[in-house]
Protein backbone atom coordinates (compact mmCIF):
# COMPACT_ATOMS: atom_id res chain seq x y z
CA UNK A 1 -0.53 18.25 -1.70
CA UNK A 2 -4.27 18.32 -1.17
CA UNK A 3 -4.72 21.06 1.38
CA UNK A 4 -2.01 21.22 4.00
CA UNK A 5 -3.83 19.76 6.94
CA UNK A 6 -3.62 16.39 8.56
CA UNK A 7 -0.78 13.91 8.58
CA UNK A 8 1.39 12.82 5.65
CA UNK A 9 4.02 10.14 5.20
CA UNK A 10 7.21 10.55 3.19
CA UNK A 11 8.04 7.05 1.92
CA UNK A 12 11.71 6.08 2.00
CA UNK A 13 13.59 2.97 0.94
CA UNK A 14 14.88 1.72 4.29
CA UNK A 15 14.64 1.98 8.04
CA UNK A 16 18.09 3.58 8.05
CA UNK A 17 16.97 6.41 5.74
CA UNK A 18 13.81 6.88 7.78
CA UNK A 19 15.80 7.22 11.01
CA UNK A 20 18.36 9.56 9.45
CA UNK A 21 15.52 11.65 8.02
CA UNK A 22 13.72 11.85 11.33
CA UNK A 23 16.92 13.00 13.05
CA UNK A 24 17.57 15.62 10.35
CA UNK A 25 14.01 16.96 10.57
CA UNK A 26 14.18 17.07 14.36
CA UNK A 27 17.38 19.12 14.13
CA UNK A 28 15.34 21.65 12.11
CA UNK A 29 12.39 21.59 14.56
CA UNK A 30 10.10 19.53 12.34
CA UNK A 31 8.30 16.96 14.49
CA UNK A 32 8.10 13.53 12.86
CA UNK A 33 8.04 9.82 13.57
CA UNK A 34 9.25 6.72 11.76
CA UNK A 35 6.43 4.43 10.63
CA UNK A 36 6.33 1.01 9.01
CA UNK A 37 4.30 0.93 5.78
CA UNK A 38 2.67 -1.99 4.08
CA UNK A 39 4.57 -2.24 0.75
CA UNK A 40 1.32 -2.08 -1.23
CA UNK A 41 0.72 1.50 0.01
CA UNK A 42 3.49 2.91 -2.20
CA UNK A 43 4.30 2.68 -5.89
CA UNK A 44 7.82 1.38 -5.23
CA UNK A 45 6.98 -0.90 -2.32
CA UNK A 46 8.72 1.20 0.31
CA UNK A 47 8.27 -0.32 3.74
CA UNK A 48 9.19 2.67 5.91
CA UNK A 49 8.21 6.29 6.07
CA UNK A 50 8.49 9.49 8.02
CA UNK A 51 5.13 10.73 9.31
CA UNK A 52 4.65 14.44 9.90
CA UNK A 53 2.15 17.26 9.58
CA UNK A 54 1.26 17.82 5.92
CA UNK A 55 1.97 21.53 6.45
CA UNK A 56 5.67 20.63 6.93
CA UNK A 57 6.04 18.40 3.86
CA UNK A 58 7.59 20.99 1.51
CA UNK A 59 10.24 21.94 4.07
CA UNK A 60 10.85 18.28 4.89
CA UNK A 61 11.36 17.07 1.31
CA UNK A 62 13.69 20.00 0.62
CA UNK A 63 15.75 19.11 3.71
CA UNK A 64 15.80 15.40 2.88
CA UNK A 65 16.76 15.94 -0.77
CA UNK A 66 19.38 18.52 0.13
CA UNK A 67 21.02 16.04 2.49
CA UNK A 68 21.09 13.00 0.23
CA UNK A 69 18.09 11.19 1.71
CA UNK A 70 16.02 9.92 -1.19
CA UNK A 71 12.29 9.43 -0.92
CA UNK A 72 9.87 7.85 -3.35
CA UNK A 73 6.61 9.69 -2.71
CA UNK A 74 4.42 11.49 -0.22
CA UNK A 75 1.19 9.83 0.84
CA UNK A 76 -1.42 10.87 3.37
CA UNK A 77 -1.26 8.96 6.63
CA UNK A 78 -4.67 7.42 5.79
CA UNK A 79 -3.20 5.66 2.75
CA UNK A 80 -4.56 7.51 -0.31
CA UNK A 81 -2.14 8.90 -2.88
CA UNK A 82 -1.56 12.65 -3.18
């Protein structure tokens, strides 16, 4: 990830996965929120994401992957690709 400052979004395939991911991250003291994405912002057209501090992305994707929550990509909250 470019630097580890600012806000990033982990794009997921559904609102259900986004909510499960947010709950999982909260259980591990990673602050996050569920956001709706315009499908054109991601390569796979994901419409939901989990927004969090970019500094927490590595921990977050490890937690999500380890708990069966698939994600497509990580994008900065401003919309550029990382």
